PDB file of N, CA and C in Angstrom:
ATOM      1  N   MET A   1       0.989  -1.463  -0.077  1.00  0.00           N
ATOM      2  CA  MET A   1       0.006  -0.190   0.372  1.00  0.00           C
ATOM      3  C   MET A   1       0.924   1.047   0.178  1.00  0.00           C
ATOM      4  N   THR A   2       0.926   2.375  -1.012  1.00  0.00           N
ATOM      5  CA  THR A   2       1.470   3.675  -0.786  1.00  0.00           C
ATOM      6  C   THR A   2       1.163   4.281  -0.210  1.00  0.00           C
ATOM      7  N   GLN A   3       1.854   4.701   0.568  1.00  0.00           N
ATOM      8  CA  GLN A   3       1.551   6.384   1.662  1.00  0.00           C
ATOM      9  C   GLN A   3       1.214   7.206   1.079  1.00  0.00           C
ATOM     10  N   ALA A   4      -0.301   8.042   1.725  1.00  0.00           N
ATOM     11  CA  ALA A   4      -0.875   9.334   1.221  1.00  0.00           C
ATOM     12  C   ALA A   4       0.369  10.213   1.112  1.00  0.00           C
ATOM     13  N   ARG A   5       0.307  11.209   0.150  1.00  0.00           N
ATOM     14  CA  ARG A   5       1.288  12.409  -0.082  1.00  0.00           C
ATOM     15  C   ARG A   5       0.393  13.198   0.351  1.00  0.00           C
ATOM     16  N   ARG A   6       1.656  14.228   1.068  1.00  0.00           N
ATOM     17  CA  ARG A   6       1.459  15.192   2.111  1.00  0.00           C
ATOM     18  C   ARG A   6       1.689  16.525   1.825  1.00  0.00           C
ATOM     19  N   PRO A   7       0.891  17.937   1.688  1.00  0.00           N
ATOM     20  CA  PRO A   7       1.893  19.296   1.311  1.00  0.00           C
ATOM     21  C   PRO A   7       2.743  19.220   1.969  1.00  0.00           C
ATOM     22  N   LEU A   8       3.729  20.564   0.974  1.00  0.00           N
ATOM     23  CA  LEU A   8       5.048  20.414   2.319  1.00  0.00           C
ATOM     24  C   LEU A   8       5.071  21.738   2.903  1.00  0.00           C
ATOM     25  N   PHE A   9       4.018  21.974   3.216  1.00  0.00           N
ATOM     26  CA  PHE A   9       3.360  23.727   3.631  1.00  0.00           C
ATOM     27  C   PHE A   9       2.144  23.702   4.365  1.00  0.00           C
ATOM     28  N   LYS A  10       2.361  24.764   5.460  1.00  0.00           N
ATOM     29  CA  LYS A  10       1.177  24.181   6.427  1.00  0.00           C
ATOM     30  C   LYS A  10       0.045  26.083   6.002  1.00  0.00           C
ATOM     31  N   VAL A  11      -1.332  25.374   6.232  1.00  0.00           N
ATOM     32  CA  VAL A  11      -1.598  26.760   6.059  1.00  0.00           C
ATOM     33  C   VAL A  11      -2.694  27.435   7.198  1.00  0.00           C
ATOM     34  N   LYS A  12      -2.787  28.165   7.826  1.00  0.00           N
ATOM     35  CA  LYS A  12      -3.199  28.998   8.775  1.00  0.00           C
ATOM     36  C   LYS A  12      -4.456  28.719   9.509  1.00  0.00           C
ATOM     37  N   MET A  13      -5.297  29.590   7.691  1.00  0.00           N
ATOM     38  CA  MET A  13      -7.152  29.317   8.153  1.00  0.00           C
ATOM     39  C   MET A  13      -7.841  28.037   7.002  1.00  0.00           C
ATOM     40  N   PRO A  14      -8.265  28.293   7.717  1.00  0.00           N
ATOM     41  CA  PRO A  14      -9.418  26.288   6.921  1.00  0.00           C
ATOM     42  C   PRO A  14      -9.220  26.740   5.477  1.00  0.00           C
ATOM     43  N   LYS A  15      -9.140  25.933   4.423  1.00  0.00           N
ATOM     44  CA  LYS A  15      -9.403  26.035   3.155  1.00  0.00           C
ATOM     45  C   LYS A  15     -10.938  26.169   2.700  1.00  0.00           C
ATOM     46  N   LYS A  16     -11.728  26.658   1.903  1.00  0.00           N
ATOM     47  CA  LYS A  16     -12.989  26.333   1.610  1.00  0.00           C
ATOM     48  C   LYS A  16     -13.001  25.921   0.113  1.00  0.00           C
ATOM     49  N   LEU A  17     -13.673  25.045  -0.576  1.00  0.00           N
ATOM     50  CA  LEU A  17     -13.722  25.231  -1.573  1.00  0.00           C
ATOM     51  C   LEU A  17     -15.343  24.739  -2.157  1.00  0.00           C
ATOM     52  N   SER A  18     -16.130  25.683  -2.719  1.00  0.00           N
ATOM     53  CA  SER A  18     -17.503  25.876  -2.880  1.00  0.00           C
ATOM     54  C   SER A  18     -17.617  25.663  -4.554  1.00  0.00           C
ATOM     55  N   TYR A  19     -18.601  25.007  -4.977  1.00  0.00           N
ATOM     56  CA  TYR A  19     -18.819  24.597  -5.797  1.00  0.00           C
ATOM     57  C   TYR A  19     -20.091  23.525  -6.244  1.00  0.00           C
ATOM     58  N   PHE A  20     -20.846  23.985  -7.239  1.00  0.00           N
ATOM     59  CA  PHE A  20     -22.252  22.619  -7.259  1.00  0.00           C
ATOM     60  C   PHE A  20     -22.208  21.323  -6.664  1.00  0.00           C
ATOM     61  N   ASN A  21     -23.082  20.432  -5.977  1.00  0.00           N
ATOM     62  CA  ASN A  21     -23.703  19.544  -5.557  1.00  0.00           C
ATOM     63  C   ASN A  21     -23.478  18.308  -6.614  1.00  0.00           C
ATOM     64  N   LEU A  22     -22.538  19.088  -7.317  1.00  0.00           N
ATOM     65  CA  LEU A  22     -21.705  17.220  -8.128  1.00  0.00           C
ATOM     66  C   LEU A  22     -20.509  17.155  -8.467  1.00  0.00           C
ATOM     67  N   ASN A  23     -20.307  16.653  -9.342  1.00  0.00           N
ATOM     68  CA  ASN A  23     -18.901  16.311  -9.395  1.00  0.00           C
ATOM     69  C   ASN A  23     -17.624  18.029 -10.489  1.00  0.00           C
ATOM     70  N   GLY A  24     -18.104  17.249 -11.623  1.00  0.00           N
ATOM     71  CA  GLY A  24     -17.505  18.621 -12.818  1.00  0.00           C
ATOM     72  C   GLY A  24     -16.456  19.328 -12.132  1.00  0.00           C
ATOM     73  N   LEU A  25     -16.458  20.578 -12.190  1.00  0.00           N
ATOM     74  CA  LEU A  25     -15.100  21.054 -12.590  1.00  0.00           C
ATOM     75  C   LEU A  25     -14.346  21.066 -11.159  1.00  0.00           C
ATOM     76  N   ALA A  26     -14.782  20.952 -10.326  1.00  0.00           N
ATOM     77  CA  ALA A  26     -14.378  20.662  -9.141  1.00  0.00           C
ATOM     78  C   ALA A  26     -13.929  19.654  -8.227  1.00  0.00           C
ATOM     79  N   GLU A  27     -14.131  18.775  -8.907  1.00  0.00           N
ATOM     80  CA  GLU A  27     -13.799  17.301  -9.227  1.00  0.00           C
ATOM     81  C   GLU A  27     -12.407  16.800  -8.457  1.00  0.00           C
ATOM     82  N   PRO A  28     -11.990  17.332  -9.628  1.00  0.00           N
ATOM     83  CA  PRO A  28     -10.357  16.684  -9.780  1.00  0.00           C
ATOM     84  C   PRO A  28      -9.632  18.475  -8.550  1.00  0.00           C
ATOM     85  N   ILE A  29      -9.817  18.781  -8.146  1.00  0.00           N
ATOM     86  CA  ILE A  29      -9.608  19.579  -6.607  1.00  0.00           C
ATOM     87  C   ILE A  29      -9.762  18.425  -5.659  1.00  0.00           C
ATOM     88  N   ARG A  30     -11.155  18.423  -5.710  1.00  0.00           N
ATOM     89  CA  ARG A  30     -11.228  17.378  -4.187  1.00  0.00           C
ATOM     90  C   ARG A  30     -10.160  16.452  -4.320  1.00  0.00           C
ATOM     91  N   TYR A  31     -10.267  15.790  -4.960  1.00  0.00           N
ATOM     92  CA  TYR A  31      -9.383  14.370  -5.600  1.00  0.00           C
ATOM     93  C   TYR A  31      -8.212  15.277  -4.781  1.00  0.00           C
ATOM     94  N   ILE A  32      -7.718  15.652  -5.295  1.00  0.00           N
ATOM     95  CA  ILE A  32      -6.011  16.295  -5.189  1.00  0.00           C
ATOM     96  C   ILE A  32      -5.878  16.868  -3.477  1.00  0.00           C
ATOM     97  N   LEU A  33      -7.091  17.417  -2.829  1.00  0.00           N
ATOM     98  CA  LEU A  33      -6.747  17.956  -1.136  1.00  0.00           C
ATOM     99  C   LEU A  33      -7.275  16.721  -0.778  1.00  0.00           C
ATOM    100  N   HIS A  34      -8.203  15.816  -0.888  1.00  0.00           N
ATOM    101  CA  HIS A  34      -8.326  14.287  -0.139  1.00  0.00           C
ATOM    102  C   HIS A  34      -6.472  13.497  -0.498  1.00  0.00           C
ATOM    103  N   TYR A  35      -6.375  12.976  -1.819  1.00  0.00           N
ATOM    104  CA  TYR A  35      -5.321  12.712  -1.451  1.00  0.00           C
ATOM    105  C   TYR A  35      -3.843  12.998  -0.967  1.00  0.00           C
ATOM    106  N   THR A  36      -3.878  14.552  -0.900  1.00  0.00           N
ATOM    107  CA  THR A  36      -2.270  15.039  -0.335  1.00  0.00           C
ATOM    108  C   THR A  36      -2.980  15.237   1.098  1.00  0.00           C
ATOM    109  N   ASN A  37      -3.954  14.895   1.833  1.00  0.00           N
ATOM    110  CA  ASN A  37      -4.433  15.108   2.959  1.00  0.00           C
ATOM    111  C   ASN A  37      -4.378  16.189   3.755  1.00  0.00           C
ATOM    112  N   GLN A  38      -5.271  17.647   2.470  1.00  0.00           N
ATOM    113  CA  GLN A  38      -5.370  18.432   3.173  1.00  0.00           C
ATOM    114  C   GLN A  38      -6.912  18.555   3.602  1.00  0.00           C
ATOM    115  N   GLU A  39      -6.402  19.131   4.707  1.00  0.00           N
ATOM    116  CA  GLU A  39      -8.378  19.664   5.345  1.00  0.00           C
ATOM    117  C   GLU A  39      -9.023  20.505   4.676  1.00  0.00           C
ATOM    118  N   PHE A  40      -9.916  20.304   4.623  1.00  0.00           N
ATOM    119  CA  PHE A  40     -10.785  21.736   3.659  1.00  0.00           C
ATOM    120  C   PHE A  40     -12.241  21.115   3.914  1.00  0.00           C
ATOM    121  N   GLU A  41     -13.085  22.830   3.942  1.00  0.00           N
ATOM    122  CA  GLU A  41     -14.412  22.909   3.947  1.00  0.00           C
ATOM    123  C   GLU A  41     -15.580  23.006   2.536  1.00  0.00           C
ATOM    124  N   ASP A  42     -15.888  21.768   2.300  1.00  0.00           N
ATOM    125  CA  ASP A  42     -16.383  21.473   1.545  1.00  0.00           C
ATOM    126  C   ASP A  42     -17.745  21.873   1.662  1.00  0.00           C
ATOM    127  N   VAL A  43     -18.268  22.902   0.195  1.00  0.00           N
ATOM    128  CA  VAL A  43     -19.100  23.120   0.427  1.00  0.00           C
ATOM    129  C   VAL A  43     -19.941  23.350  -0.849  1.00  0.00           C
ATOM    130  N   ARG A  44     -20.814  22.473  -0.688  1.00  0.00           N
ATOM    131  CA  ARG A  44     -21.975  22.352  -2.182  1.00  0.00           C
ATOM    132  C   ARG A  44     -23.233  23.121  -2.330  1.00  0.00           C
ATOM    133  N   TYR A  45     -23.377  23.644  -3.414  1.00  0.00           N
ATOM    134  CA  TYR A  45     -24.702  24.342  -3.481  1.00  0.00           C
ATOM    135  C   TYR A  45     -25.790  23.483  -4.383  1.00  0.00           C
ATOM    136  N   ASP A  46     -27.123  23.633  -4.210  1.00  0.00           N
ATOM    137  CA  ASP A  46     -27.588  23.038  -4.855  1.00  0.00           C
ATOM    138  C   ASP A  46     -28.048  23.529  -6.466  1.00  0.00           C
ATOM    139  N   VAL A  47     -27.389  22.509  -7.506  1.00  0.00           N
ATOM    140  CA  VAL A  47     -27.623  22.853  -9.249  1.00  0.00           C
ATOM    141  C   VAL A  47     -29.015  23.666  -9.839  1.00  0.00           C
ATOM    142  N   TYR A  48     -30.078  23.146  -8.761  1.00  0.00           N
ATOM    143  CA  TYR A  48     -30.842  23.332  -9.462  1.00  0.00           C
ATOM    144  C   TYR A  48     -31.831  24.222  -8.995  1.00  0.00           C
ATOM    145  N   SER A  49     -31.229  24.841  -8.008  1.00  0.00           N
ATOM    146  CA  SER A  49     -31.908  26.426  -7.781  1.00  0.00           C
ATOM    147  C   SER A  49     -30.918  27.386  -8.103  1.00  0.00           C
ATOM    148  N   TRP A  50     -30.014  26.703  -9.078  1.00  0.00           N
ATOM    149  CA  TRP A  50     -29.489  28.022  -9.620  1.00  0.00           C
ATOM    150  C   TRP A  50     -29.692  28.783 -10.733  1.00  0.00           C
ATOM    151  N   PRO A  51     -29.545  30.213 -10.940  1.00  0.00           N
ATOM    152  CA  PRO A  51     -28.797  30.768 -10.196  1.00  0.00           C
ATOM    153  C   PRO A  51     -29.187  31.564  -9.038  1.00  0.00           C
ATOM    154  N   ASP A  52     -28.841  31.160  -7.897  1.00  0.00           N
ATOM    155  CA  ASP A  52     -29.104  32.148  -7.022  1.00  0.00           C
ATOM    156  C   ASP A  52     -28.897  33.597  -7.250  1.00  0.00           C
ATOM    157  N   PRO A  53     -29.227  35.160  -7.235  1.00  0.00           N
ATOM    158  CA  PRO A  53     -29.188  36.526  -7.273  1.00  0.00           C
ATOM    159  C   PRO A  53     -28.179  36.287  -6.040  1.00  0.00           C
ATOM    160  N   LYS A  54     -28.292  36.329  -4.904  1.00  0.00           N
ATOM    161  CA  LYS A  54     -27.567  36.399  -4.002  1.00  0.00           C
ATOM    162  C   LYS A  54     -26.053  36.150  -3.518  1.00  0.00           C
ATOM    163  N   ILE A  55     -26.282  34.611  -4.639  1.00  0.00           N
ATOM    164  CA  ILE A  55     -24.770  34.140  -3.686  1.00  0.00           C
ATOM    165  C   ILE A  55     -24.200  34.661  -5.035  1.00  0.00           C
ATOM    166  N   LYS A  56     -24.410  34.085  -6.088  1.00  0.00           N
ATOM    167  CA  LYS A  56     -24.427  34.571  -7.703  1.00  0.00           C
ATOM    168  C   LYS A  56     -23.276  36.176  -7.667  1.00  0.00           C
ATOM    169  N   ALA A  57     -24.081  36.813  -7.149  1.00  0.00           N
ATOM    170  CA  ALA A  57     -23.301  38.582  -6.539  1.00  0.00           C
ATOM    171  C   ALA A  57     -22.298  38.735  -5.819  1.00  0.00           C
ATOM    172  N   SER A  58     -22.326  37.690  -4.605  1.00  0.00           N
ATOM    173  CA  SER A  58     -20.947  37.496  -4.036  1.00  0.00           C
ATOM    174  C   SER A  58     -19.437  36.822  -4.368  1.00  0.00           C
ATOM    175  N   LEU A  59     -19.891  36.206  -5.852  1.00  0.00           N
ATOM    176  CA  LEU A  59     -18.732  35.171  -6.555  1.00  0.00           C
ATOM    177  C   LEU A  59     -17.909  36.525  -7.173  1.00  0.00           C
ATOM    178  N   PRO A  60     -16.483  36.176  -7.036  1.00  0.00           N
ATOM    179  CA  PRO A  60     -15.569  36.409  -8.553  1.00  0.00           C
ATOM    180  C   PRO A  60     -15.937  36.023  -9.385  1.00  0.00           C
ATOM    181  N   TYR A  61     -16.405  36.913 -10.668  1.00  0.00           N
ATOM    182  CA  TYR A  61     -16.576  36.704 -12.118  1.00  0.00           C
ATOM    183  C   TYR A  61     -18.207  35.502 -11.769  1.00  0.00           C
ATOM    184  N   GLY A  62     -18.914  35.487 -10.890  1.00  0.00           N
ATOM    185  CA  GLY A  62     -20.172  35.653 -10.543  1.00  0.00           C
ATOM    186  C   GLY A  62     -20.268  33.564 -10.946  1.00  0.00           C
ATOM    187  N   GLN A  63     -19.327  33.246 -10.403  1.00  0.00           N
ATOM    188  CA  GLN A  63     -19.265  31.795 -11.195  1.00  0.00           C
ATOM    189  C   GLN A  63     -18.077  30.674 -10.200  1.00  0.00           C
ATOM    190  N   PHE A  64     -18.740  29.392 -10.331  1.00  0.00           N
ATOM    191  CA  PHE A  64     -17.685  28.418  -9.518  1.00  0.00           C
ATOM    192  C   PHE A  64     -17.052  28.080  -9.942  1.00  0.00           C
ATOM    193  N   PRO A  65     -15.579  27.075  -9.982  1.00  0.00           N
ATOM    194  CA  PRO A  65     -15.459  26.802  -8.322  1.00  0.00           C
ATOM    195  C   PRO A  65     -14.967  28.372  -7.519  1.00  0.00           C
ATOM    196  N   VAL A  66     -15.322  28.038  -6.334  1.00  0.00           N
ATOM    197  CA  VAL A  66     -14.643  29.493  -6.116  1.00  0.00           C
ATOM    198  C   VAL A  66     -13.405  28.666  -4.540  1.00  0.00           C
ATOM    199  N   TYR A  67     -12.232  28.629  -4.438  1.00  0.00           N
ATOM    200  CA  TYR A  67     -11.381  27.989  -3.870  1.00  0.00           C
ATOM    201  C   TYR A  67     -10.833  29.559  -2.133  1.00  0.00           C
ATOM    202  N   GLU A  68     -10.740  29.422  -1.543  1.00  0.00           N
ATOM    203  CA  GLU A  68     -10.577  30.363  -0.224  1.00  0.00           C
ATOM    204  C   GLU A  68      -9.524  29.263   0.233  1.00  0.00           C
ATOM    205  N   GLU A  69      -8.606  30.248   1.430  1.00  0.00           N
ATOM    206  CA  GLU A  69      -7.517  29.892   1.578  1.00  0.00           C
ATOM    207  C   GLU A  69      -6.701  31.543   2.600  1.00  0.00           C
ATOM    208  N   ASP A  70      -6.740  31.257   3.699  1.00  0.00           N
ATOM    209  CA  ASP A  70      -6.138  32.538   4.626  1.00  0.00           C
ATOM    210  C   ASP A  70      -6.948  33.991   3.905  1.00  0.00           C
ATOM    211  N   GLY A  71      -7.785  33.957   3.857  1.00  0.00           N
ATOM    212  CA  GLY A  71      -8.925  35.381   3.706  1.00  0.00           C
ATOM    213  C   GLY A  71      -8.545  35.460   2.335  1.00  0.00           C
ATOM    214  N   ARG A  72      -8.049  34.886   1.498  1.00  0.00           N
ATOM    215  CA  ARG A  72      -7.746  34.937   0.036  1.00  0.00           C
ATOM    216  C   ARG A  72      -8.902  34.209  -0.819  1.00  0.00           C
ATOM    217  N   VAL A  73      -9.461  34.872  -2.206  1.00  0.00           N
ATOM    218  CA  VAL A  73      -9.828  33.660  -3.217  1.00  0.00           C
ATOM    219  C   VAL A  73      -9.574  33.579  -4.024  1.00  0.00           C
ATOM    220  N   LEU A  74      -9.365  32.280  -4.765  1.00  0.00           N
ATOM    221  CA  LEU A  74      -8.961  32.000  -6.315  1.00  0.00           C
ATOM    222  C   LEU A  74      -9.787  31.518  -7.135  1.00  0.00           C
ATOM    223  N   THR A  75     -10.838  31.741  -8.375  1.00  0.00           N
ATOM    224  CA  THR A  75     -11.401  31.148  -9.856  1.00  0.00           C
ATOM    225  C   THR A  75     -10.670  30.895 -10.354  1.00  0.00           C
ATOM    226  N   GLN A  76     -11.492  29.791 -10.895  1.00  0.00           N
ATOM    227  CA  GLN A  76     -11.236  29.488 -12.396  1.00  0.00           C
ATOM    228  C   GLN A  76     -10.107  27.740 -11.761  1.00  0.00           C
ATOM    229  N   SER A  77     -10.993  26.670 -11.959  1.00  0.00           N
ATOM    230  CA  SER A  77     -10.952  25.261 -12.118  1.00  0.00           C
ATOM    231  C   SER A  77      -9.443  24.685 -11.966  1.00  0.00           C
ATOM    232  N   LEU A  78      -8.833  25.290 -13.043  1.00  0.00           N
ATOM    233  CA  LEU A  78      -7.545  24.694 -13.676  1.00  0.00           C
ATOM    234  C   LEU A  78      -6.330  25.896 -12.489  1.00  0.00           C
ATOM    235  N   ALA A  79      -6.648  26.964 -12.132  1.00  0.00           N
ATOM    236  CA  ALA A  79      -6.210  27.698 -11.754  1.00  0.00           C
ATOM    237  C   ALA A  79      -6.270  26.974  -9.841  1.00  0.00           C
ATOM    238  N   ILE A  80      -6.937  26.307  -9.630  1.00  0.00           N
ATOM    239  CA  ILE A  80      -7.359  26.294  -8.084  1.00  0.00           C
ATOM    240  C   ILE A  80      -6.736  24.772  -8.019  1.00  0.00           C
ATOM    241  N   THR A  81      -6.671  24.136  -9.119  1.00  0.00           N
ATOM    242  CA  THR A  81      -6.125  22.579  -9.059  1.00  0.00           C
ATOM    243  C   THR A  81      -4.406  22.658  -9.133  1.00  0.00           C
ATOM    244  N   LYS A  82      -3.518  23.585  -9.679  1.00  0.00           N
ATOM    245  CA  LYS A  82      -2.856  24.085  -9.850  1.00  0.00           C
ATOM    246  C   LYS A  82      -2.455  24.113  -8.677  1.00  0.00           C
ATOM    247  N   TYR A  83      -3.298  24.962  -8.287  1.00  0.00           N
ATOM    248  CA  TYR A  83      -2.612  25.741  -6.360  1.00  0.00           C
ATOM    249  C   TYR A  83      -2.665  25.051  -5.869  1.00  0.00           C
ATOM    250  N   VAL A  84      -3.407  24.117  -5.046  1.00  0.00           N
ATOM    251  CA  VAL A  84      -3.499  22.935  -4.446  1.00  0.00           C
ATOM    252  C   VAL A  84      -2.700  22.063  -4.766  1.00  0.00           C
ATOM    253  N   ALA A  85      -2.137  21.856  -5.512  1.00  0.00           N
ATOM    254  CA  ALA A  85      -0.805  20.414  -6.099  1.00  0.00           C
ATOM    255  C   ALA A  85       0.091  21.330  -5.542  1.00  0.00           C
ATOM    256  N   ARG A  86       0.605  22.467  -6.064  1.00  0.00           N
ATOM    257  CA  ARG A  86       2.160  22.936  -5.647  1.00  0.00           C
ATOM    258  C   ARG A  86       2.437  22.409  -4.171  1.00  0.00           C
ATOM    259  N   GLY A  87       3.721  22.398  -3.781  1.00  0.00           N
ATOM    260  CA  GLY A  87       3.292  21.963  -2.643  1.00  0.00           C
ATOM    261  C   GLY A  87       3.761  20.952  -2.336  1.00  0.00           C
ATOM    262  N   THR A  88       3.076  19.641  -3.546  1.00  0.00           N
ATOM    263  CA  THR A  88       2.819  18.489  -2.582  1.00  0.00           C
ATOM    264  C   THR A  88       4.089  17.552  -3.722  1.00  0.00           C
ATOM    265  N   ASP A  89       4.033  16.233  -3.845  1.00  0.00           N
ATOM    266  CA  ASP A  89       5.078  15.901  -4.991  1.00  0.00           C
ATOM    267  C   ASP A  89       4.023  15.183  -5.876  1.00  0.00           C
ATOM    268  N   LEU A  90       3.477  15.869  -5.787  1.00  0.00           N
ATOM    269  CA  LEU A  90       2.125  15.693  -7.424  1.00  0.00           C
ATOM    270  C   LEU A  90       2.477  16.695  -8.420  1.00  0.00           C
ATOM    271  N   VAL A  91       3.405  17.418  -8.003  1.00  0.00           N
ATOM    272  CA  VAL A  91       3.886  18.390  -9.174  1.00  0.00           C
ATOM    273  C   VAL A  91       5.299  18.651  -9.946  1.00  0.00           C
ATOM    274  N   PRO A  92       5.589  18.227 -10.994  1.00  0.00           N
ATOM    275  CA  PRO A  92       7.472  17.360 -11.326  1.00  0.00           C
ATOM    276  C   PRO A  92       7.765  18.789 -10.996  1.00  0.00           C
ATOM    277  N   THR A  93       9.148  18.596 -10.765  1.00  0.00           N
ATOM    278  CA  THR A  93      10.040  19.820 -10.459  1.00  0.00           C
ATOM    279  C   THR A  93      10.898  20.020 -11.924  1.00  0.00           C
ATOM    280  N   ASP A  94      11.006  18.627 -12.663  1.00  0.00           N
ATOM    281  CA  ASP A  94      11.254  18.804 -14.372  1.00  0.00           C
ATOM    282  C   ASP A  94      10.250  19.912 -15.057  1.00  0.00           C
ATOM    283  N   PRO A  95      10.661  20.789 -15.807  1.00  0.00           N
ATOM    284  CA  PRO A  95      10.212  21.940 -16.815  1.00  0.00           C
ATOM    285  C   PRO A  95       9.068  21.500 -17.439  1.00  0.00           C
ATOM    286  N   TRP A  96      10.043  20.763 -18.470  1.00  0.00           N
ATOM    287  CA  TRP A  96       9.459  20.029 -19.196  1.00  0.00           C
ATOM    288  C   TRP A  96       8.392  18.958 -19.202  1.00  0.00           C
ATOM    289  N   ASP A  97       8.452  18.079 -17.981  1.00  0.00           N
ATOM    290  CA  ASP A  97       7.235  16.863 -17.377  1.00  0.00           C
ATOM    291  C   ASP A  97       6.243  18.092 -17.388  1.00  0.00           C
ATOM    292  N   ASN A  98       6.616  19.371 -16.163  1.00  0.00           N
ATOM    293  CA  ASN A  98       5.137  20.158 -15.820  1.00  0.00           C
ATOM    294  C   ASN A  98       4.128  20.605 -17.209  1.00  0.00           C
ATOM    295  N   ALA A  99       5.248  20.744 -17.788  1.00  0.00           N
ATOM    296  CA  ALA A  99       5.206  21.689 -18.981  1.00  0.00           C
ATOM    297  C   ALA A  99       3.724  20.239 -19.793  1.00  0.00           C
ATOM    298  N   PHE A 100       4.741  19.355 -19.862  1.00  0.00           N
ATOM    299  CA  PHE A 100       3.624  17.677 -20.795  1.00  0.00           C
ATOM    300  C   PHE A 100       2.575  17.797 -20.084  1.00  0.00           C
ATOM    301  N   ILE A 101       2.283  17.815 -18.152  1.00  0.00           N
ATOM    302  CA  ILE A 101       1.016  17.596 -17.972  1.00  0.00           C
ATOM    303  C   ILE A 101       0.099  18.715 -18.592  1.00  0.00           C
ATOM    304  N   ASP A 102       0.629  19.754 -18.187  1.00  0.00           N
ATOM    305  CA  ASP A 102      -0.087  20.883 -18.475  1.00  0.00           C
ATOM    306  C   ASP A 102      -0.613  20.658 -20.499  1.00  0.00           C
ATOM    307  N   SER A 103       0.136  20.016 -21.075  1.00  0.00           N
ATOM    308  CA  SER A 103      -0.519  19.805 -22.504  1.00  0.00           C
ATOM    309  C   SER A 103      -1.972  19.233 -22.388  1.00  0.00           C
ATOM    310  N   VAL A 104      -1.617  17.774 -21.447  1.00  0.00           N
ATOM    311  CA  VAL A 104      -2.672  16.346 -21.539  1.00  0.00           C
ATOM    312  C   VAL A 104      -3.792  17.274 -20.514  1.00  0.00           C
ATOM    313  N   VAL A 105      -3.436  18.375 -19.441  1.00  0.00           N
ATOM    314  CA  VAL A 105      -4.856  18.393 -18.824  1.00  0.00           C
ATOM    315  C   VAL A 105      -5.723  20.019 -20.022  1.00  0.00           C
ATOM    316  N   PHE A 106      -4.776  20.132 -20.693  1.00  0.00           N
ATOM    317  CA  PHE A 106      -5.846  21.584 -21.744  1.00  0.00           C
ATOM    318  C   PHE A 106      -6.422  21.038 -22.474  1.00  0.00           C
ATOM    319  N   SER A 107      -5.501  19.368 -23.028  1.00  0.00           N
ATOM    320  CA  SER A 107      -6.197  18.905 -23.659  1.00  0.00           C
ATOM    321  C   SER A 107      -7.565  17.917 -23.889  1.00  0.00           C
ATOM    322  N   ILE A 108      -7.494  17.917 -22.921  1.00  0.00           N
ATOM    323  CA  ILE A 108      -8.785  17.643 -21.748  1.00  0.00           C
ATOM    324  C   ILE A 108     -10.222  18.683 -22.185  1.00  0.00           C
ATOM    325  N   MET A 109      -9.357  19.254 -21.652  1.00  0.00           N
ATOM    326  CA  MET A 109     -10.428  20.507 -21.265  1.00  0.00           C
ATOM    327  C   MET A 109     -11.095  20.987 -23.008  1.00  0.00           C
ATOM    328  N   ASP A 110     -10.322  21.381 -23.710  1.00  0.00           N
ATOM    329  CA  ASP A 110     -10.607  20.982 -25.232  1.00  0.00           C
ATOM    330  C   ASP A 110     -11.205  19.883 -25.307  1.00  0.00           C
ATOM    331  N   TYR A 111     -11.299  18.819 -25.082  1.00  0.00           N
ATOM    332  CA  TYR A 111     -12.126  17.876 -25.148  1.00  0.00           C
ATOM    333  C   TYR A 111     -13.899  18.286 -24.684  1.00  0.00           C
ATOM    334  N   TRP A 112     -13.680  18.446 -23.594  1.00  0.00           N
ATOM    335  CA  TRP A 112     -15.116  18.948 -23.012  1.00  0.00           C
ATOM    336  C   TRP A 112     -15.094  19.845 -23.008  1.00  0.00           C
ATOM    337  N   LYS A 113     -14.492  20.953 -23.968  1.00  0.00           N
ATOM    338  CA  LYS A 113     -15.795  21.745 -24.291  1.00  0.00           C
ATOM    339  C   LYS A 113     -16.144  21.464 -25.755  1.00  0.00           C
ATOM    340  N   ASN A 114     -16.420  20.551 -26.095  1.00  0.00           N
ATOM    341  CA  ASN A 114     -16.908  20.156 -27.181  1.00  0.00           C
ATOM    342  C   ASN A 114     -17.977  19.027 -26.981  1.00  0.00           C
ATOM    343  N   VAL A 115     -17.612  17.937 -25.875  1.00  0.00           N
ATOM    344  CA  VAL A 115     -18.867  17.258 -24.797  1.00  0.00           C
ATOM    345  C   VAL A 115     -19.738  17.353 -24.392  1.00  0.00           C
ATOM    346  N   VAL A 116     -19.837  19.069 -23.435  1.00  0.00           N
ATOM    347  CA  VAL A 116     -20.483  19.475 -22.224  1.00  0.00           C
ATOM    348  C   VAL A 116     -21.844  20.109 -23.287  1.00  0.00           C
ATOM    349  N   PRO A 117     -21.829  20.819 -24.076  1.00  0.00           N
ATOM    350  CA  PRO A 117     -22.597  21.399 -25.265  1.00  0.00           C
ATOM    351  C   PRO A 117     -24.046  20.064 -25.401  1.00  0.00           C
ATOM    352  N   THR A 118     -22.877  18.781 -25.580  1.00  0.00           N
ATOM    353  CA  THR A 118     -24.292  17.569 -26.573  1.00  0.00           C
ATOM    354  C   THR A 118     -24.780  17.510 -24.855  1.00  0.00           C
ATOM    355  N   VAL A 119     -23.994  16.851 -23.993  1.00  0.00           N
ATOM    356  CA  VAL A 119     -24.787  16.209 -22.992  1.00  0.00           C
ATOM    357  C   VAL A 119     -25.914  17.124 -22.235  1.00  0.00           C
ATOM    358  N   ARG A 120     -25.559  18.728 -22.726  1.00  0.00           N
ATOM    359  CA  ARG A 120     -26.425  19.577 -21.790  1.00  0.00           C
ATOM    360  C   ARG A 120     -27.937  19.803 -23.159  1.00  0.00           C
ATOM    361  N   GLU A 121     -28.126  19.192 -23.824  1.00  0.00           N
ATOM    362  CA  GLU A 121     -29.112  19.099 -25.225  1.00  0.00           C
ATOM    363  C   GLU A 121     -30.193  17.992 -24.284  1.00  0.00           C
TER     364      GLU A 121
END
């Protein structure tokens, strides 16, 4: 059995991830946070009652996911994913390997841009 990964730095205030009550764009973030044993509050909003004007107005850019840490707020799923993975051994130290991972992730996102509209029909 492999040992769980651990973050290389400590955070002072609780972390908080807000998204809908479904997997979607926040799921890779949740996976990384759980896999690296980073404690966080997993706030989920009912997708069927969206958009809630009061909540939407409180969000940067009016959209989810939103990640909060030490009083700071970060948006955009890929930026959040990369951030929570930094400081762990999930991110390669070699720049080429790091760029290769980015290319795979961006290719997956391009694929999903075509799939999601079809699923919503």
